[in-house]
C-alpha atoms as a PDB file:
ATOM      1  CA  UNK A   1      15.206  -8.154 -19.516  1.00  0.00           C
ATOM      2  CA  UNK A   2      17.543 -10.632 -17.826  1.00  0.00           C
ATOM      3  CA  UNK A   3      16.685 -14.269 -18.413  1.00  0.00           C
ATOM      4  CA  UNK A   4      15.866 -15.092 -14.784  1.00  0.00           C
ATOM      5  CA  UNK A   5      12.630 -16.786 -13.754  1.00  0.00           C
ATOM      6  CA  UNK A   6       9.934 -14.473 -12.378  1.00  0.00           C
ATOM      7  CA  UNK A   7       8.919 -17.032  -9.750  1.00  0.00           C
ATOM      8  CA  UNK A   8      12.518 -17.312  -8.518  1.00  0.00           C
ATOM      9  CA  UNK A   9      12.808 -13.585  -7.727  1.00  0.00           C
ATOM     10  CA  UNK A  10      11.547 -11.572  -4.760  1.00  0.00           C
ATOM     11  CA  UNK A  11      11.582  -7.777  -4.829  1.00  0.00           C
ATOM     12  CA  UNK A  12      11.816  -6.548  -1.223  1.00  0.00           C
ATOM     13  CA  UNK A  13      11.228  -2.911  -0.263  1.00  0.00           C
ATOM     14  CA  UNK A  14      12.280  -2.108   3.329  1.00  0.00           C
ATOM     15  CA  UNK A  15      10.568   0.884   4.947  1.00  0.00           C
ATOM     16  CA  UNK A  16      11.477   2.441   8.312  1.00  0.00           C
ATOM     17  CA  UNK A  17       9.035   4.893   9.863  1.00  0.00           C
ATOM     18  CA  UNK A  18      11.830   6.718  11.723  1.00  0.00           C
ATOM     19  CA  UNK A  19      13.429   9.581   9.794  1.00  0.00           C
ATOM     20  CA  UNK A  20      15.045  12.654  11.305  1.00  0.00           C
ATOM     21  CA  UNK A  21      14.965  14.843   8.195  1.00  0.00           C
ATOM     22  CA  UNK A  22      11.516  13.811   6.936  1.00  0.00           C
ATOM     23  CA  UNK A  23       9.307  12.421   9.752  1.00  0.00           C
ATOM     24  CA  UNK A  24       6.893   9.700   8.657  1.00  0.00           C
ATOM     25  CA  UNK A  25       8.692   9.455   5.326  1.00  0.00           C
ATOM     26  CA  UNK A  26       7.062   6.253   3.991  1.00  0.00           C
ATOM     27  CA  UNK A  27       3.616   7.855   4.350  1.00  0.00           C
ATOM     28  CA  UNK A  28       4.517  11.173   2.687  1.00  0.00           C
ATOM     29  CA  UNK A  29       1.859  11.970   0.088  1.00  0.00           C
ATOM     30  CA  UNK A  30       2.820  11.898  -3.582  1.00  0.00           C
ATOM     31  CA  UNK A  31      -0.190  12.540  -5.815  1.00  0.00           C
ATOM     32  CA  UNK A  32      -2.651  10.923  -3.443  1.00  0.00           C
ATOM     33  CA  UNK A  33      -0.553   7.875  -2.578  1.00  0.00           C
ATOM     34  CA  UNK A  34       1.978   7.273   0.213  1.00  0.00           C
ATOM     35  CA  UNK A  35       5.570   7.355  -1.021  1.00  0.00           C
ATOM     36  CA  UNK A  36       6.098   3.698  -0.115  1.00  0.00           C
ATOM     37  CA  UNK A  37       3.168   2.737  -2.359  1.00  0.00           C
ATOM     38  CA  UNK A  38       4.672   4.734  -5.225  1.00  0.00           C
ATOM     39  CA  UNK A  39       7.912   2.765  -4.765  1.00  0.00           C
ATOM     40  CA  UNK A  40       5.966  -0.514  -4.796  1.00  0.00           C
ATOM     41  CA  UNK A  41       4.244   0.541  -8.014  1.00  0.00           C
ATOM     42  CA  UNK A  42       7.594   1.261  -9.678  1.00  0.00           C
ATOM     43  CA  UNK A  43       8.898  -2.141  -8.544  1.00  0.00           C
ATOM     44  CA  UNK A  44       5.792  -3.857  -9.871  1.00  0.00           C
ATOM     45  CA  UNK A  45       6.215  -2.119 -13.236  1.00  0.00           C
ATOM     46  CA  UNK A  46       9.641  -3.762 -13.581  1.00  0.00           C
ATOM     47  CA  UNK A  47       7.896  -7.177 -13.815  1.00  0.00           C
ATOM     48  CA  UNK A  48      10.846  -9.154 -12.483  1.00  0.00           C
ATOM     49  CA  UNK A  49       9.264 -10.942  -9.525  1.00  0.00           C
ATOM     50  CA  UNK A  50       6.919 -10.930  -6.543  1.00  0.00           C
ATOM     51  CA  UNK A  51       6.931  -7.527  -4.786  1.00  0.00           C
ATOM     52  CA  UNK A  52       6.832  -7.360  -0.963  1.00  0.00           C
ATOM     53  CA  UNK A  53       7.098  -4.325   1.325  1.00  0.00           C
ATOM     54  CA  UNK A  54       8.821  -4.934   4.685  1.00  0.00           C
ATOM     55  CA  UNK A  55       7.697  -2.440   7.352  1.00  0.00           C
ATOM     56  CA  UNK A  56       8.129  -1.758  11.076  1.00  0.00           C
ATOM     57  CA  UNK A  57       5.007   0.348  11.698  1.00  0.00           C
ATOM     58  CA  UNK A  58       1.300  -0.517  11.736  1.00  0.00           C
ATOM     59  CA  UNK A  59       0.185   2.641   9.913  1.00  0.00           C
ATOM     60  CA  UNK A  60       2.608   1.937   7.071  1.00  0.00           C
ATOM     61  CA  UNK A  61       1.487  -1.703   7.025  1.00  0.00           C
ATOM     62  CA  UNK A  62      -2.153  -0.634   6.711  1.00  0.00           C
ATOM     63  CA  UNK A  63      -1.416   1.886   3.951  1.00  0.00           C
ATOM     64  CA  UNK A  64       0.470  -0.654   1.838  1.00  0.00           C
ATOM     65  CA  UNK A  65      -2.173  -3.328   2.374  1.00  0.00           C
ATOM     66  CA  UNK A  66      -4.960  -0.883   1.459  1.00  0.00           C
ATOM     67  CA  UNK A  67      -3.166  -0.173  -1.822  1.00  0.00           C
ATOM     68  CA  UNK A  68      -3.238  -3.884  -2.650  1.00  0.00           C
ATOM     69  CA  UNK A  69       0.425  -4.750  -2.198  1.00  0.00           C
ATOM     70  CA  UNK A  70       1.848  -7.604  -0.191  1.00  0.00           C
ATOM     71  CA  UNK A  71       3.322  -6.373   3.094  1.00  0.00           C
ATOM     72  CA  UNK A  72       5.163  -8.012   5.992  1.00  0.00           C
ATOM     73  CA  UNK A  73       5.693  -6.649   9.505  1.00  0.00           C
ATOM     74  CA  UNK A  74       9.297  -6.908  10.622  1.00  0.00           C
ATOM     75  CA  UNK A  75      11.055  -6.045  13.876  1.00  0.00           C
ATOM     76  CA  UNK A  76      12.184  -2.564  14.885  1.00  0.00           C
ATOM     77  CA  UNK A  77      15.590  -3.786  16.054  1.00  0.00           C
ATOM     78  CA  UNK A  78      17.271  -4.074  12.647  1.00  0.00           C
ATOM     79  CA  UNK A  79      20.427  -2.046  12.118  1.00  0.00           C
ATOM     80  CA  UNK A  80      20.250  -2.133   8.317  1.00  0.00           C
ATOM     81  CA  UNK A  81      17.893  -2.637   5.410  1.00  0.00           C
ATOM     82  CA  UNK A  82      19.605  -5.916   4.518  1.00  0.00           C
ATOM     83  CA  UNK A  83      18.777  -7.324   7.962  1.00  0.00           C
ATOM     84  CA  UNK A  84      15.160  -6.258   7.503  1.00  0.00           C
ATOM     85  CA  UNK A  85      14.835  -7.837   4.074  1.00  0.00           C
ATOM     86  CA  UNK A  86      16.417 -11.062   5.300  1.00  0.00           C
ATOM     87  CA  UNK A  87      13.742 -11.358   7.990  1.00  0.00           C
ATOM     88  CA  UNK A  88      11.097 -10.591   5.353  1.00  0.00           C
ATOM     89  CA  UNK A  89      12.500 -13.244   3.005  1.00  0.00           C
ATOM     90  CA  UNK A  90      12.301 -15.859   5.745  1.00  0.00           C
ATOM     91  CA  UNK A  91       8.701 -14.902   6.512  1.00  0.00           C
ATOM     92  CA  UNK A  92       7.557 -14.627   2.888  1.00  0.00           C
ATOM     93  CA  UNK A  93       9.370 -17.640   1.481  1.00  0.00           C
ATOM     94  CA  UNK A  94       9.987 -20.195   4.243  1.00  0.00           C
ATOM     95  CA  UNK A  95      10.380 -22.994   1.668  1.00  0.00           C
ATOM     96  CA  UNK A  96      13.310 -21.077   0.081  1.00  0.00           C
ATOM     97  CA  UNK A  97      11.917 -21.224  -3.442  1.00  0.00           C
ATOM     98  CA  UNK A  98      13.275 -17.785  -4.385  1.00  0.00           C
ATOM     99  CA  UNK A  99      16.878 -17.678  -5.583  1.00  0.00           C
ATOM    100  CA  UNK A 100      17.261 -13.931  -6.152  1.00  0.00           C
ATOM    101  CA  UNK A 101      16.399 -11.083  -3.781  1.00  0.00           C
ATOM    102  CA  UNK A 102      16.161  -7.535  -5.139  1.00  0.00           C
ATOM    103  CA  UNK A 103      16.445  -4.840  -2.460  1.00  0.00           C
ATOM    104  CA  UNK A 104      14.783  -1.599  -3.619  1.00  0.00           C
ATOM    105  CA  UNK A 105      15.080   1.232  -1.094  1.00  0.00           C
ATOM    106  CA  UNK A 106      11.752   2.551   0.161  1.00  0.00           C
ATOM    107  CA  UNK A 107      12.619   6.175  -0.615  1.00  0.00           C
ATOM    108  CA  UNK A 108      12.976   5.851  -4.410  1.00  0.00           C
ATOM    109  CA  UNK A 109       9.483   6.741  -5.711  1.00  0.00           C
ATOM    110  CA  UNK A 110      10.804   7.712  -9.155  1.00  0.00           C
ATOM    111  CA  UNK A 111      12.994   4.636  -9.723  1.00  0.00           C
ATOM    112  CA  UNK A 112      12.752   3.506 -13.332  1.00  0.00           C
ATOM    113  CA  UNK A 113      11.779  -0.070 -14.111  1.00  0.00           C
ATOM    114  CA  UNK A 114      14.840  -0.377 -16.344  1.00  0.00           C
ATOM    115  CA  UNK A 115      17.068   0.249 -13.322  1.00  0.00           C
ATOM    116  CA  UNK A 116      15.405  -2.529 -11.325  1.00  0.00           C
ATOM    117  CA  UNK A 117      15.821  -4.877 -14.263  1.00  0.00           C
ATOM    118  CA  UNK A 118      19.445  -3.855 -14.740  1.00  0.00           C
ATOM    119  CA  UNK A 119      20.281  -4.926 -11.189  1.00  0.00           C
ATOM    120  CA  UNK A 120      19.495  -8.529 -12.126  1.00  0.00           C
ATOM    121  CA  UNK A 121      21.631  -8.720 -15.258  1.00  0.00           C
ATOM    122  CA  UNK A 122      24.944  -9.605 -13.543  1.00  0.00           C
ATOM    123  CA  UNK A 123      23.249 -12.516 -11.754  1.00  0.00           C
ATOM    124  CA  UNK A 124      23.205 -14.471 -15.008  1.00  0.00           C
ATOM    125  CA  UNK A 125      26.848 -15.219 -14.134  1.00  0.00           C
ATOM    126  CA  UNK A 126      26.745 -17.869 -11.379  1.00  0.00           C
ATOM    127  CA  UNK A 127      30.028 -16.559  -9.934  1.00  0.00           C
ATOM    128  CA  UNK A 128      28.372 -13.283  -8.887  1.00  0.00           C
ATOM    129  CA  UNK A 129      27.096 -13.099  -5.298  1.00  0.00           C
ATOM    130  CA  UNK A 130      25.661  -9.574  -5.296  1.00  0.00           C
ATOM    131  CA  UNK A 131      24.800  -7.120  -8.075  1.00  0.00           C
ATOM    132  CA  UNK A 132      24.310  -3.376  -7.834  1.00  0.00           C
ATOM    133  CA  UNK A 133      24.217  -0.258 -10.036  1.00  0.00           C
ATOM    134  CA  UNK A 134      26.344   2.751 -10.868  1.00  0.00           C
ATOM    135  CA  UNK A 135      26.339   5.889 -13.027  1.00  0.00           C
ATOM    136  CA  UNK A 136      29.367   7.652 -14.477  1.00  0.00           C
ATOM    137  CA  UNK A 137      29.962  10.962 -12.691  1.00  0.00           C
ATOM    138  CA  UNK A 138      29.674  13.889 -15.111  1.00  0.00           C
ATOM    139  CA  UNK A 139      29.810  16.870 -12.726  1.00  0.00           C
ATOM    140  CA  UNK A 140      33.375  17.616 -11.610  1.00  0.00           C
ATOM    141  CA  UNK A 141      32.340  18.743  -8.107  1.00  0.00           C
ATOM    142  CA  UNK A 142      30.501  15.459  -7.486  1.00  0.00           C
ATOM    143  CA  UNK A 143      33.824  13.623  -7.601  1.00  0.00           C
ATOM    144  CA  UNK A 144      34.809  15.258  -4.314  1.00  0.00           C
ATOM    145  CA  UNK A 145      31.568  14.953  -2.305  1.00  0.00           C
ATOM    146  CA  UNK A 146      31.787  12.337   0.488  1.00  0.00           C
ATOM    147  CA  UNK A 147      28.030  11.627   0.398  1.00  0.00           C
ATOM    148  CA  UNK A 148      28.419  10.486  -3.223  1.00  0.00           C
ATOM    149  CA  UNK A 149      29.827   6.983  -2.880  1.00  0.00           C
ATOM    150  CA  UNK A 150      32.267   5.933  -5.599  1.00  0.00           C
ATOM    151  CA  UNK A 151      32.673   2.467  -7.059  1.00  0.00           C
ATOM    152  CA  UNK A 152      36.239   1.398  -7.766  1.00  0.00           C
ATOM    153  CA  UNK A 153      35.935  -1.432 -10.225  1.00  0.00           C
ATOM    154  CA  UNK A 154      37.625  -3.353 -12.996  1.00  0.00           C
ATOM    155  CA  UNK A 155      35.712  -3.168 -16.321  1.00  0.00           C
ATOM    156  CA  UNK A 156      34.508  -6.549 -17.545  1.00  0.00           C
ATOM    157  CA  UNK A 157      32.309  -5.193 -20.365  1.00  0.00           C
ATOM    158  CA  UNK A 158      31.113  -1.832 -21.705  1.00  0.00           C
ATOM    159  CA  UNK A 159      28.236  -1.853 -19.214  1.00  0.00           C
ATOM    160  CA  UNK A 160      29.667  -3.688 -16.214  1.00  0.00           C
ATOM    161  CA  UNK A 161      32.371  -3.477 -13.562  1.00  0.00           C
ATOM    162  CA  UNK A 162      33.629  -6.005 -11.071  1.00  0.00           C
ATOM    163  CA  UNK A 163      33.714  -4.106  -7.780  1.00  0.00           C
ATOM    164  CA  UNK A 164      37.070  -3.918  -6.025  1.00  0.00           C
ATOM    165  CA  UNK A 165      36.139  -1.241  -3.474  1.00  0.00           C
ATOM    166  CA  UNK A 166      33.523   1.362  -2.520  1.00  0.00           C
ATOM    167  CA  UNK A 167      34.595   4.653  -0.976  1.00  0.00           C
ATOM    168  CA  UNK A 168      33.509   8.160  -0.025  1.00  0.00           C
ATOM    169  CA  UNK A 169      36.902   9.425  -1.176  1.00  0.00           C
ATOM    170  CA  UNK A 170      37.754  10.527  -4.718  1.00  0.00           C
ATOM    171  CA  UNK A 171      38.962   7.319  -6.348  1.00  0.00           C
ATOM    172  CA  UNK A 172      40.571   5.852  -8.333  1.00  0.00           C
ATOM    173  CA  UNK A 173      43.391   8.323  -8.937  1.00  0.00           C
ATOM    174  CA  UNK A 174      44.408   9.366 -12.447  1.00  0.00           C
ATOM    175  CA  UNK A 175      42.709   9.814 -15.791  1.00  0.00           C
ATOM    176  CA  UNK A 176      39.471   8.002 -16.503  1.00  0.00           C
ATOM    177  CA  UNK A 177      35.848   7.892 -15.401  1.00  0.00           C
ATOM    178  CA  UNK A 178      34.614   7.883 -11.805  1.00  0.00           C
ATOM    179  CA  UNK A 179      31.392   6.124 -10.899  1.00  0.00           C
ATOM    180  CA  UNK A 180      28.592   7.074  -8.494  1.00  0.00           C
ATOM    181  CA  UNK A 181      27.210   4.036  -6.678  1.00  0.00           C
ATOM    182  CA  UNK A 182      23.430   3.531  -6.603  1.00  0.00           C
ATOM    183  CA  UNK A 183      22.279   1.605  -3.530  1.00  0.00           C
ATOM    184  CA  UNK A 184      19.955  -0.867  -5.229  1.00  0.00           C
ATOM    185  CA  UNK A 185      21.088  -4.466  -4.758  1.00  0.00           C
ATOM    186  CA  UNK A 186      20.258  -7.915  -6.025  1.00  0.00           C
ATOM    187  CA  UNK A 187      21.481 -10.784  -3.845  1.00  0.00           C
ATOM    188  CA  UNK A 188      21.745 -14.438  -4.602  1.00  0.00           C
ATOM    189  CA  UNK A 189      19.746 -15.844  -1.693  1.00  0.00           C
ATOM    190  CA  UNK A 190      22.677 -17.844  -0.361  1.00  0.00           C
ATOM    191  CA  UNK A 191      24.816 -14.693  -0.492  1.00  0.00           C
ATOM    192  CA  UNK A 192      22.258 -12.697   1.500  1.00  0.00           C
ATOM    193  CA  UNK A 193      22.182 -15.412   4.162  1.00  0.00           C
ATOM    194  CA  UNK A 194      25.966 -15.321   4.409  1.00  0.00           C
ATOM    195  CA  UNK A 195      26.105 -11.521   4.355  1.00  0.00           C
ATOM    196  CA  UNK A 196      23.759 -10.972   7.312  1.00  0.00           C
ATOM    197  CA  UNK A 197      25.571 -13.672   9.324  1.00  0.00           C
ATOM    198  CA  UNK A 198      28.963 -11.942   9.040  1.00  0.00           C
ATOM    199  CA  UNK A 199      28.457  -8.874  11.192  1.00  0.00           C
ATOM    200  CA  UNK A 200      30.020  -5.450  10.519  1.00  0.00           C
ATOM    201  CA  UNK A 201      33.556  -5.437   9.118  1.00  0.00           C
ATOM    202  CA  UNK A 202      36.488  -3.102   9.750  1.00  0.00           C
ATOM    203  CA  UNK A 203      36.292  -1.167   6.476  1.00  0.00           C
ATOM    204  CA  UNK A 204      32.487  -1.134   6.580  1.00  0.00           C
ATOM    205  CA  UNK A 205      32.595   0.683   9.917  1.00  0.00           C
ATOM    206  CA  UNK A 206      35.373   3.013   8.800  1.00  0.00           C
ATOM    207  CA  UNK A 207      33.710   4.117   5.540  1.00  0.00           C
ATOM    208  CA  UNK A 208      30.161   3.570   6.847  1.00  0.00           C
ATOM    209  CA  UNK A 209      29.401   1.493   3.750  1.00  0.00           C
ATOM    210  CA  UNK A 210      27.701  -1.837   4.354  1.00  0.00           C
ATOM    211  CA  UNK A 211      28.683  -3.364   1.005  1.00  0.00           C
ATOM    212  CA  UNK A 212      32.342  -3.437   2.061  1.00  0.00           C
ATOM    213  CA  UNK A 213      31.431  -6.255   4.449  1.00  0.00           C
ATOM    214  CA  UNK A 214      30.825  -8.489   1.445  1.00  0.00           C
ATOM    215  CA  UNK A 215      34.055  -7.544  -0.312  1.00  0.00           C
ATOM    216  CA  UNK A 216      36.107  -8.045   2.854  1.00  0.00           C
ATOM    217  CA  UNK A 217      34.620 -11.538   3.133  1.00  0.00           C
ATOM    218  CA  UNK A 218      35.688 -12.377  -0.419  1.00  0.00           C
ATOM    219  CA  UNK A 219      32.232 -12.148  -1.977  1.00  0.00           C
ATOM    220  CA  UNK A 220      31.909 -11.008  -5.590  1.00  0.00           C
ATOM    221  CA  UNK A 221      29.944  -7.857  -6.418  1.00  0.00           C
ATOM    222  CA  UNK A 222      29.355  -6.915 -10.072  1.00  0.00           C
ATOM    223  CA  UNK A 223      28.069  -3.456 -10.925  1.00  0.00           C
ATOM    224  CA  UNK A 224      25.836  -2.640 -13.895  1.00  0.00           C
ATOM    225  CA  UNK A 225      26.339   0.823 -15.417  1.00  0.00           C
ATOM    226  CA  UNK A 226      23.057   2.689 -15.998  1.00  0.00           C
ATOM    227  CA  UNK A 227      22.176   6.132 -17.355  1.00  0.00           C
ATOM    228  CA  UNK A 228      20.828   8.095 -14.390  1.00  0.00           C
ATOM    229  CA  UNK A 229      20.810   8.305 -10.595  1.00  0.00           C
ATOM    230  CA  UNK A 230      17.310   7.822  -9.103  1.00  0.00           C
ATOM    231  CA  UNK A 231      16.115  10.506  -6.721  1.00  0.00           C
ATOM    232  CA  UNK A 232      16.343   9.436  -3.083  1.00  0.00           C
ATOM    233  CA  UNK A 233      13.827  11.301  -0.918  1.00  0.00           C
ATOM    234  CA  UNK A 234      15.434  12.415   2.350  1.00  0.00           C
ATOM    235  CA  UNK A 235      14.173  15.994   2.795  1.00  0.00           C
ATOM    236  CA  UNK A 236      11.026  18.056   2.129  1.00  0.00           C
ATOM    237  CA  UNK A 237      12.834  19.519  -0.892  1.00  0.00           C
ATOM    238  CA  UNK A 238      13.453  16.035  -2.277  1.00  0.00           C
ATOM    239  CA  UNK A 239       9.782  15.231  -1.777  1.00  0.00           C
ATOM    240  CA  UNK A 240       8.763  18.229  -3.886  1.00  0.00           C
ATOM    241  CA  UNK A 241      11.167  17.107  -6.618  1.00  0.00           C
ATOM    242  CA  UNK A 242       9.636  13.617  -6.598  1.00  0.00           C
ATOM    243  CA  UNK A 243       6.140  15.070  -6.891  1.00  0.00           C
ATOM    244  CA  UNK A 244       7.264  17.130  -9.872  1.00  0.00           C
ATOM    245  CA  UNK A 245       8.907  14.157 -11.600  1.00  0.00           C
ATOM    246  CA  UNK A 246       5.807  11.997 -11.192  1.00  0.00           C
ATOM    247  CA  UNK A 247       3.339  14.753 -12.076  1.00  0.00           C
ATOM    248  CA  UNK A 248       2.965  13.523 -15.632  1.00  0.00           C
ATOM    249  CA  UNK A 249       2.845   9.797 -14.860  1.00  0.00           C
ATOM    250  CA  UNK A 250      -0.528   7.990 -14.989  1.00  0.00           C
ATOM    251  CA  UNK A 251      -1.564   6.875 -11.486  1.00  0.00           C
END
């Protein structure tokens, strides 16, 4: 585990009730628990910091609270998960004691604790503003799919890249590995404050990738290489896959 203090880290899980492909997604049942509660359990298993769910719906709030997790009601006006977690950070930690904010998406019920921990490793370098994850692409066809976001980065160790760009295109050109970005982020608190104050950038809007805002502003993003891509639940088919994956896990 990274050598960062537990009491200096907040794990924030944003959950939006609106979903076109899977209505009521945070409350979808997975082995008797709402999906958002399963995500909170995975985050808690990582044992890296205080876990808080940030919601915009009373039913989701009640479900998370009933399961015994800390939950905060946030506004429905947010355009992104980072805006939602920033509001939650301000509400949960008004004295600004936390230095690191881990943003775990609310639709990752099978996320492994090792992945959550890995997102904190680059933060041991004080020059890093934001850390995220990636997996080497092994299927040739995945290199050409626009919904699979690629990290273009300069290797700084066997398990880490310094991000230079993120793109939906097939990049970089030439021989060598390509990397599939995983949208789990750890922010230095000061970096999160700066990030949400910037507003959308030109390349962010063009590629529809929020993390480009940080790079365009000169912020440093390091990317930890992990072994597998967690399943994001966006459709009923994804939900069935998540149920199957968790079928053998003690609840």
